[in-house]
Amino acid sequence: MSRTTMMIDTGLPTGLFTDVIASHGELVGLVKFGWGTALVTRELHRKIAVLREAGIGFYFGGTLFEWYLVQGRIDDYLALVERTGATHVEVSNGTIPLDQQGKAEWVRRMSRYRPVLAEVGYKDAERSARLSPADWAGAIREDLDAGAELVITETRESGRSGMARPDGHLRDDVLRAVLARIDAGRLLFEAPTKDLQVELIRALGPDVNLGNIAPTDLVGVETLRRGLRGDTLLQLTPVAVPA
């Protein structure tokens, strides 16, 4: 994938979801049905039909994978993936007591069924903060070696956990350590806030893969990518100042 923008659906009404894809679908590379919302979305089949018509891939949030896993119901999860035609599977350990090695093994197993998006980082901010830069880089490398197509860097929907500090800004030390070992094209950075979007585009360029983008932010993110917003204009636009 190149220049992927992953939109998160946190439970949009079906009509609004349809309108967003009709209006801005060309800006969307993937859609994630956040956490376990798929199981309580009455018209999920209609949303999926809209995505199929638009040629947009979709998957379910890693928390849903974890929910099935802790119950010993992975066969039911795979049945859901098959029944809905989900194009990808997310494997994570953000909440459950599953260590990195165990997660990588699930990446390996799930990659037999669908392309896998593995996630590194935890929902709990303090737990994520205890991961050193070397831990982050090592976990990402292990997931990629296990067969992940992309690795997602956790920041949650708040943009204040995982690879983000409590103040909402990137952990620069983690970013440097990861990029020293991993091609940025193999990473999908969760960036639900404008601050994170700007920092990542400034650091990695307009083609950085961004995730957890709200439907209302799709156009704004695209303007950041093109230097059509003050936050990135001078970084991305050749400037010839008139004499």
C-alpha atoms as a PDB file:
ATOM      1  CA  MET A   1       0.000   0.000   0.000  1.00  0.00           C
ATOM      2  CA  SER A   2       1.145   3.544  -0.583  1.00  0.00           C
ATOM      3  CA  ARG A   3      -0.176   6.680   1.056  1.00  0.00           C
ATOM      4  CA  THR A   4      -2.870   4.957   3.031  1.00  0.00           C
ATOM      5  CA  THR A   5      -5.410   6.995   4.935  1.00  0.00           C
ATOM      6  CA  MET A   6      -7.386   4.777   7.280  1.00  0.00           C
ATOM      7  CA  MET A   7     -10.747   6.198   8.300  1.00  0.00           C
ATOM      8  CA  ILE A   8     -12.235   5.012  11.566  1.00  0.00           C
ATOM      9  CA  ASP A   9     -15.979   4.465  11.814  1.00  0.00           C
ATOM     10  CA  THR A  10     -16.985   4.777  15.457  1.00  0.00           C
ATOM     11  CA  GLY A  11     -20.653   4.141  14.745  1.00  0.00           C
ATOM     12  CA  LEU A  12     -21.780   6.640  12.126  1.00  0.00           C
ATOM     13  CA  PRO A  13     -25.411   6.451  11.044  1.00  0.00           C
ATOM     14  CA  THR A  14     -25.649   4.504   7.805  1.00  0.00           C
ATOM     15  CA  GLY A  15     -26.822   7.456   5.726  1.00  0.00           C
ATOM     16  CA  LEU A  16     -23.997   9.661   6.952  1.00  0.00           C
ATOM     17  CA  PHE A  17     -21.463   6.882   6.346  1.00  0.00           C
ATOM     18  CA  THR A  18     -22.780   6.498   2.799  1.00  0.00           C
ATOM     19  CA  ASP A  19     -22.517  10.238   2.195  1.00  0.00           C
ATOM     20  CA  VAL A  20     -18.938  10.365   3.495  1.00  0.00           C
ATOM     21  CA  ILE A  21     -17.805   7.582   1.169  1.00  0.00           C
ATOM     22  CA  ALA A  22     -19.714   9.064  -1.789  1.00  0.00           C
ATOM     23  CA  SER A  23     -18.156  12.486  -1.193  1.00  0.00           C
ATOM     24  CA  HIS A  24     -14.646  11.594  -0.019  1.00  0.00           C
ATOM     25  CA  GLY A  25     -14.082   7.923  -0.799  1.00  0.00           C
ATOM     26  CA  GLU A  26     -11.159   8.711  -3.088  1.00  0.00           C
ATOM     27  CA  LEU A  27      -9.295   9.970  -0.017  1.00  0.00           C
ATOM     28  CA  VAL A  28      -9.799   6.712   1.904  1.00  0.00           C
ATOM     29  CA  GLY A  29      -7.516   3.693   1.603  1.00  0.00           C
ATOM     30  CA  LEU A  30      -9.007   1.578   4.386  1.00  0.00           C
ATOM     31  CA  VAL A  31     -11.917   1.748   6.805  1.00  0.00           C
ATOM     32  CA  LYS A  32     -11.738   0.379  10.327  1.00  0.00           C
ATOM     33  CA  PHE A  33     -14.946  -0.378  12.183  1.00  0.00           C
ATOM     34  CA  GLY A  34     -13.647   0.732  15.555  1.00  0.00           C
ATOM     35  CA  TRP A  35     -13.191  -1.659  18.498  1.00  0.00           C
ATOM     36  CA  GLY A  36     -16.352  -3.837  18.757  1.00  0.00           C
ATOM     37  CA  THR A  37     -18.824  -1.532  17.012  1.00  0.00           C
ATOM     38  CA  ALA A  38     -19.361  -4.055  14.218  1.00  0.00           C
ATOM     39  CA  LEU A  39     -21.328  -6.289  16.568  1.00  0.00           C
ATOM     40  CA  VAL A  40     -23.833  -3.553  17.459  1.00  0.00           C
ATOM     41  CA  THR A  41     -24.105  -1.855  14.062  1.00  0.00           C
ATOM     42  CA  ARG A  42     -27.546  -2.857  12.827  1.00  0.00           C
ATOM     43  CA  GLU A  43     -26.898  -2.059   9.169  1.00  0.00           C
ATOM     44  CA  LEU A  44     -23.298  -3.173   8.953  1.00  0.00           C
ATOM     45  CA  HIS A  45     -24.093  -5.043   5.733  1.00  0.00           C
ATOM     46  CA  ARG A  46     -25.196  -1.802   4.072  1.00  0.00           C
ATOM     47  CA  LYS A  47     -21.994  -0.021   5.071  1.00  0.00           C
ATOM     48  CA  ILE A  48     -19.949  -2.922   3.734  1.00  0.00           C
ATOM     49  CA  ALA A  49     -21.857  -2.819   0.444  1.00  0.00           C
ATOM     50  CA  VAL A  50     -20.981   0.872   0.103  1.00  0.00           C
ATOM     51  CA  LEU A  51     -17.292   0.089   0.649  1.00  0.00           C
ATOM     52  CA  ARG A  52     -17.326  -2.778  -1.833  1.00  0.00           C
ATOM     53  CA  GLU A  53     -18.886  -0.570  -4.486  1.00  0.00           C
ATOM     54  CA  ALA A  54     -16.206   2.049  -3.848  1.00  0.00           C
ATOM     55  CA  GLY A  55     -13.401  -0.532  -3.863  1.00  0.00           C
ATOM     56  CA  ILE A  56     -12.298   0.348  -0.325  1.00  0.00           C
ATOM     57  CA  GLY A  57     -10.919  -2.335   2.002  1.00  0.00           C
ATOM     58  CA  PHE A  58     -12.141  -2.675   5.573  1.00  0.00           C
ATOM     59  CA  TYR A  59     -11.471  -4.512   8.810  1.00  0.00           C
ATOM     60  CA  PHE A  60     -12.534  -4.673  12.417  1.00  0.00           C
ATOM     61  CA  GLY A  61     -10.662  -3.006  15.262  1.00  0.00           C
ATOM     62  CA  GLY A  62      -8.093  -5.059  17.113  1.00  0.00           C
ATOM     63  CA  THR A  63     -10.142  -4.935  20.310  1.00  0.00           C
ATOM     64  CA  LEU A  64     -12.739  -7.160  18.632  1.00  0.00           C
ATOM     65  CA  PHE A  65     -10.023  -9.700  17.800  1.00  0.00           C
ATOM     66  CA  GLU A  66      -8.932  -9.580  21.458  1.00  0.00           C
ATOM     67  CA  TRP A  67     -12.530 -10.002  22.654  1.00  0.00           C
ATOM     68  CA  TYR A  68     -12.927 -13.191  20.672  1.00  0.00           C
ATOM     69  CA  LEU A  69      -9.441 -14.428  21.613  1.00  0.00           C
ATOM     70  CA  VAL A  70      -9.874 -14.214  25.392  1.00  0.00           C
ATOM     71  CA  GLN A  71     -13.094 -16.221  25.078  1.00  0.00           C
ATOM     72  CA  GLY A  72     -11.447 -18.942  23.012  1.00  0.00           C
ATOM     73  CA  ARG A  73     -13.736 -18.105  20.088  1.00  0.00           C
ATOM     74  CA  ILE A  74     -11.309 -17.378  17.270  1.00  0.00           C
ATOM     75  CA  ASP A  75     -13.285 -19.679  14.959  1.00  0.00           C
ATOM     76  CA  ASP A  76     -16.289 -17.394  15.464  1.00  0.00           C
ATOM     77  CA  TYR A  77     -14.139 -14.369  14.695  1.00  0.00           C
ATOM     78  CA  LEU A  78     -12.898 -15.946  11.487  1.00  0.00           C
ATOM     79  CA  ALA A  79     -16.475 -16.810  10.574  1.00  0.00           C
ATOM     80  CA  LEU A  80     -17.363 -13.125  10.973  1.00  0.00           C
ATOM     81  CA  VAL A  81     -14.422 -12.116   8.784  1.00  0.00           C
ATOM     82  CA  GLU A  82     -15.460 -14.618   6.138  1.00  0.00           C
ATOM     83  CA  ARG A  83     -19.163 -13.790   6.290  1.00  0.00           C
ATOM     84  CA  THR A  84     -18.622 -10.043   5.935  1.00  0.00           C
ATOM     85  CA  GLY A  85     -15.782 -10.274   3.422  1.00  0.00           C
ATOM     86  CA  ALA A  86     -13.415  -8.182   5.548  1.00  0.00           C
ATOM     87  CA  THR A  87     -10.304  -7.578   3.475  1.00  0.00           C
ATOM     88  CA  HIS A  88      -7.865  -7.413   6.399  1.00  0.00           C
ATOM     89  CA  VAL A  89      -7.480  -8.621   9.972  1.00  0.00           C
ATOM     90  CA  GLU A  90      -6.059  -6.577  12.822  1.00  0.00           C
ATOM     91  CA  VAL A  91      -4.082  -8.433  15.475  1.00  0.00           C
ATOM     92  CA  SER A  92      -3.326  -6.572  18.691  1.00  0.00           C
ATOM     93  CA  ASN A  93      -2.674  -7.043  22.394  1.00  0.00           C
ATOM     94  CA  GLY A  94      -3.586  -3.553  23.556  1.00  0.00           C
ATOM     95  CA  THR A  95      -5.839  -4.707  26.391  1.00  0.00           C
ATOM     96  CA  ILE A  96      -5.524  -8.442  27.021  1.00  0.00           C
ATOM     97  CA  PRO A  97      -2.629 -10.250  28.778  1.00  0.00           C
ATOM     98  CA  LEU A  98      -0.948 -11.459  25.597  1.00  0.00           C
ATOM     99  CA  ASP A  99       2.802 -10.893  25.317  1.00  0.00           C
ATOM    100  CA  GLN A 100       4.614  -9.714  22.209  1.00  0.00           C
ATOM    101  CA  GLN A 101       5.821 -13.174  21.241  1.00  0.00           C
ATOM    102  CA  GLY A 102       2.320 -14.568  21.544  1.00  0.00           C
ATOM    103  CA  LYS A 103       0.915 -11.725  19.472  1.00  0.00           C
ATOM    104  CA  ALA A 104       3.493 -12.321  16.734  1.00  0.00           C
ATOM    105  CA  GLU A 105       2.408 -15.961  16.638  1.00  0.00           C
ATOM    106  CA  TRP A 106      -1.180 -14.859  16.098  1.00  0.00           C
ATOM    107  CA  VAL A 107       0.007 -12.565  13.321  1.00  0.00           C
ATOM    108  CA  ARG A 108       1.581 -15.602  11.703  1.00  0.00           C
ATOM    109  CA  ARG A 109      -1.597 -17.667  12.095  1.00  0.00           C
ATOM    110  CA  MET A 110      -4.012 -14.978  10.929  1.00  0.00           C
ATOM    111  CA  SER A 111      -1.912 -14.184   7.859  1.00  0.00           C
ATOM    112  CA  ARG A 112      -3.075 -17.524   6.460  1.00  0.00           C
ATOM    113  CA  TYR A 113      -6.573 -16.046   6.168  1.00  0.00           C
ATOM    114  CA  ARG A 114      -6.171 -12.357   5.358  1.00  0.00           C
ATOM    115  CA  PRO A 115      -3.496  -9.654   5.119  1.00  0.00           C
ATOM    116  CA  VAL A 116      -2.714  -8.710   8.705  1.00  0.00           C
ATOM    117  CA  LEU A 117      -2.414  -5.299  10.280  1.00  0.00           C
ATOM    118  CA  ALA A 118      -0.540  -5.817  13.550  1.00  0.00           C
ATOM    119  CA  GLU A 119      -0.654  -3.195  16.261  1.00  0.00           C
ATOM    120  CA  VAL A 120       2.099  -2.260  18.694  1.00  0.00           C
ATOM    121  CA  GLY A 121       1.386  -0.321  21.875  1.00  0.00           C
ATOM    122  CA  TYR A 122      -1.145  -0.552  24.657  1.00  0.00           C
ATOM    123  CA  LYS A 123      -4.434   1.162  25.453  1.00  0.00           C
ATOM    124  CA  ASP A 124      -3.163   1.990  28.930  1.00  0.00           C
ATOM    125  CA  ALA A 125      -0.934   5.065  28.676  1.00  0.00           C
ATOM    126  CA  GLU A 126       1.332   4.088  31.591  1.00  0.00           C
ATOM    127  CA  ARG A 127       1.868   0.602  30.214  1.00  0.00           C
ATOM    128  CA  SER A 128       2.780   2.014  26.799  1.00  0.00           C
ATOM    129  CA  ALA A 129       5.109   4.556  28.386  1.00  0.00           C
ATOM    130  CA  ARG A 130       7.110   1.692  29.892  1.00  0.00           C
ATOM    131  CA  LEU A 131       7.951   0.437  26.388  1.00  0.00           C
ATOM    132  CA  SER A 132      11.411   1.718  25.510  1.00  0.00           C
ATOM    133  CA  PRO A 133      12.245   2.918  21.997  1.00  0.00           C
ATOM    134  CA  ALA A 134      14.115  -0.370  21.485  1.00  0.00           C
ATOM    135  CA  ASP A 135      11.010  -2.284  22.633  1.00  0.00           C
ATOM    136  CA  TRP A 136       8.876  -0.491  20.059  1.00  0.00           C
ATOM    137  CA  ALA A 137      11.319  -1.103  17.217  1.00  0.00           C
ATOM    138  CA  GLY A 138      11.808  -4.748  18.201  1.00  0.00           C
ATOM    139  CA  ALA A 139       8.076  -5.466  18.443  1.00  0.00           C
ATOM    140  CA  ILE A 140       7.393  -3.882  15.066  1.00  0.00           C
ATOM    141  CA  ARG A 141      10.221  -5.840  13.470  1.00  0.00           C
ATOM    142  CA  GLU A 142       8.925  -9.081  15.009  1.00  0.00           C
ATOM    143  CA  ASP A 143       5.390  -8.486  13.721  1.00  0.00           C
ATOM    144  CA  LEU A 144       6.631  -7.718  10.220  1.00  0.00           C
ATOM    145  CA  ASP A 145       8.824 -10.812  10.244  1.00  0.00           C
ATOM    146  CA  ALA A 146       5.768 -12.821  11.334  1.00  0.00           C
ATOM    147  CA  GLY A 147       3.944 -11.750   8.182  1.00  0.00           C
ATOM    148  CA  ALA A 148       2.180  -8.468   8.959  1.00  0.00           C
ATOM    149  CA  GLU A 149       1.474  -6.348   5.905  1.00  0.00           C
ATOM    150  CA  LEU A 150       1.565  -3.166   7.972  1.00  0.00           C
ATOM    151  CA  VAL A 151       2.181  -2.435  11.633  1.00  0.00           C
ATOM    152  CA  ILE A 152      -0.047   0.102  13.355  1.00  0.00           C
ATOM    153  CA  THR A 153       1.418   2.346  16.036  1.00  0.00           C
ATOM    154  CA  GLU A 154      -1.111   2.791  18.835  1.00  0.00           C
ATOM    155  CA  THR A 155      -2.225   6.236  19.993  1.00  0.00           C
ATOM    156  CA  ARG A 156      -5.891   5.461  20.778  1.00  0.00           C
ATOM    157  CA  GLU A 157      -8.707   7.737  19.643  1.00  0.00           C
ATOM    158  CA  SER A 158      -7.549  10.422  22.065  1.00  0.00           C
ATOM    159  CA  GLY A 159      -4.084  10.722  20.529  1.00  0.00           C
ATOM    160  CA  ARG A 160      -2.573  10.680  24.037  1.00  0.00           C
ATOM    161  CA  SER A 161      -1.298   7.157  24.528  1.00  0.00           C
ATOM    162  CA  GLY A 162       0.985   4.639  22.869  1.00  0.00           C
ATOM    163  CA  MET A 163       3.350   6.442  20.537  1.00  0.00           C
ATOM    164  CA  ALA A 164       1.972   9.781  21.706  1.00  0.00           C
ATOM    165  CA  ARG A 165       2.818  11.449  24.982  1.00  0.00           C
ATOM    166  CA  PRO A 166       0.089  12.516  27.440  1.00  0.00           C
ATOM    167  CA  ASP A 167       0.425  16.045  26.023  1.00  0.00           C
ATOM    168  CA  GLY A 168      -0.659  14.764  22.603  1.00  0.00           C
ATOM    169  CA  HIS A 169       2.712  15.052  20.847  1.00  0.00           C
ATOM    170  CA  LEU A 170       4.796  12.266  19.332  1.00  0.00           C
ATOM    171  CA  ARG A 171       7.418  10.419  21.293  1.00  0.00           C
ATOM    172  CA  ASP A 172      10.321  11.541  19.135  1.00  0.00           C
ATOM    173  CA  ASP A 173      12.690   9.029  20.708  1.00  0.00           C
ATOM    174  CA  VAL A 174      10.416   6.168  19.688  1.00  0.00           C
ATOM    175  CA  LEU A 175       9.954   7.518  16.175  1.00  0.00           C
ATOM    176  CA  ARG A 176      13.724   7.805  15.652  1.00  0.00           C
ATOM    177  CA  ALA A 177      14.381   4.296  16.961  1.00  0.00           C
ATOM    178  CA  VAL A 178      11.651   2.782  14.798  1.00  0.00           C
ATOM    179  CA  LEU A 179      12.704   4.559  11.608  1.00  0.00           C
ATOM    180  CA  ALA A 180      16.296   3.449  12.146  1.00  0.00           C
ATOM    181  CA  ARG A 181      15.148  -0.148  11.662  1.00  0.00           C
ATOM    182  CA  ILE A 182      11.843  -0.022   9.765  1.00  0.00           C
ATOM    183  CA  ASP A 183      10.797   1.399   6.396  1.00  0.00           C
ATOM    184  CA  ALA A 184       8.110   3.998   7.103  1.00  0.00           C
ATOM    185  CA  GLY A 185       6.058   2.531   4.261  1.00  0.00           C
ATOM    186  CA  ARG A 186       5.451  -0.570   6.425  1.00  0.00           C
ATOM    187  CA  LEU A 187       3.924   1.510   9.215  1.00  0.00           C
ATOM    188  CA  LEU A 188       0.457   2.933   9.739  1.00  0.00           C
ATOM    189  CA  PHE A 189       0.573   5.726  12.300  1.00  0.00           C
ATOM    190  CA  GLU A 190      -2.593   6.348  14.267  1.00  0.00           C
ATOM    191  CA  ALA A 191      -3.098  10.115  14.088  1.00  0.00           C
ATOM    192  CA  PRO A 192      -6.566  11.092  15.283  1.00  0.00           C
ATOM    193  CA  THR A 193      -5.581  14.680  16.108  1.00  0.00           C
ATOM    194  CA  LYS A 194      -4.377  17.528  13.943  1.00  0.00           C
ATOM    195  CA  ASP A 195      -1.216  17.907  16.048  1.00  0.00           C
ATOM    196  CA  LEU A 196      -0.175  14.317  15.331  1.00  0.00           C
ATOM    197  CA  GLN A 197      -1.113  14.593  11.659  1.00  0.00           C
ATOM    198  CA  VAL A 198       1.023  17.709  11.258  1.00  0.00           C
ATOM    199  CA  GLU A 199       3.988  16.261  13.156  1.00  0.00           C
ATOM    200  CA  LEU A 200       3.988  13.054  11.126  1.00  0.00           C
ATOM    201  CA  ILE A 201       3.613  14.783   7.764  1.00  0.00           C
ATOM    202  CA  ARG A 202       6.393  17.215   8.641  1.00  0.00           C
ATOM    203  CA  ALA A 203       8.644  14.383   9.816  1.00  0.00           C
ATOM    204  CA  LEU A 204       7.918  11.770   7.132  1.00  0.00           C
ATOM    205  CA  GLY A 205       6.428  13.657   4.211  1.00  0.00           C
ATOM    206  CA  PRO A 206       2.993  13.791   2.606  1.00  0.00           C
ATOM    207  CA  ASP A 207       2.834  10.077   1.787  1.00  0.00           C
ATOM    208  CA  VAL A 208       3.037   8.876   5.398  1.00  0.00           C
ATOM    209  CA  ASN A 209       0.344   6.305   6.231  1.00  0.00           C
ATOM    210  CA  LEU A 210      -2.136   7.789   8.698  1.00  0.00           C
ATOM    211  CA  GLY A 211      -4.854   5.990  10.640  1.00  0.00           C
ATOM    212  CA  ASN A 212      -7.796   6.646  12.953  1.00  0.00           C
ATOM    213  CA  ILE A 213      -8.763   9.600  10.803  1.00  0.00           C
ATOM    214  CA  ALA A 214     -12.267  10.808  11.603  1.00  0.00           C
ATOM    215  CA  PRO A 215     -14.679  11.101   8.658  1.00  0.00           C
ATOM    216  CA  THR A 216     -14.915  14.844   9.289  1.00  0.00           C
ATOM    217  CA  ASP A 217     -11.113  15.175   9.025  1.00  0.00           C
ATOM    218  CA  LEU A 218     -10.559  13.461   5.654  1.00  0.00           C
ATOM    219  CA  VAL A 219     -10.449  16.659   3.614  1.00  0.00           C
ATOM    220  CA  GLY A 220      -8.394  18.458   6.250  1.00  0.00           C
ATOM    221  CA  VAL A 221      -5.787  15.684   6.244  1.00  0.00           C
ATOM    222  CA  GLU A 222      -5.596  15.756   2.467  1.00  0.00           C
ATOM    223  CA  THR A 223      -4.946  19.511   2.522  1.00  0.00           C
ATOM    224  CA  LEU A 224      -2.152  18.921   5.024  1.00  0.00           C
ATOM    225  CA  ARG A 225      -0.669  16.310   2.690  1.00  0.00           C
ATOM    226  CA  ARG A 226      -0.747  18.774  -0.215  1.00  0.00           C
ATOM    227  CA  GLY A 227       0.590  21.780   1.650  1.00  0.00           C
ATOM    228  CA  LEU A 228      -2.736  23.566   1.300  1.00  0.00           C
ATOM    229  CA  ARG A 229      -2.918  24.400   4.997  1.00  0.00           C
ATOM    230  CA  GLY A 230      -0.707  26.768   6.910  1.00  0.00           C
ATOM    231  CA  ASP A 231       0.703  23.994   9.095  1.00  0.00           C
ATOM    232  CA  THR A 232       2.502  22.329   6.158  1.00  0.00           C
ATOM    233  CA  LEU A 233       2.530  24.973   3.424  1.00  0.00           C
ATOM    234  CA  LEU A 234       6.149  26.048   3.840  1.00  0.00           C
ATOM    235  CA  GLN A 235       7.390  22.478   4.304  1.00  0.00           C
ATOM    236  CA  LEU A 236       5.699  21.045   1.210  1.00  0.00           C
ATOM    237  CA  THR A 237       5.346  23.931  -1.233  1.00  0.00           C
ATOM    238  CA  PRO A 238       8.179  25.491  -3.281  1.00  0.00           C
ATOM    239  CA  VAL A 239       8.136  29.114  -2.267  1.00  0.00           C
ATOM    240  CA  ALA A 240       9.329  31.937  -4.494  1.00  0.00           C
ATOM    241  CA  VAL A 241       8.828  35.115  -2.519  1.00  0.00           C
ATOM    242  CA  PRO A 242       8.124  38.093  -4.825  1.00  0.00           C
ATOM    243  CA  ALA A 243      10.791  40.775  -4.782  1.00  0.00           C
END
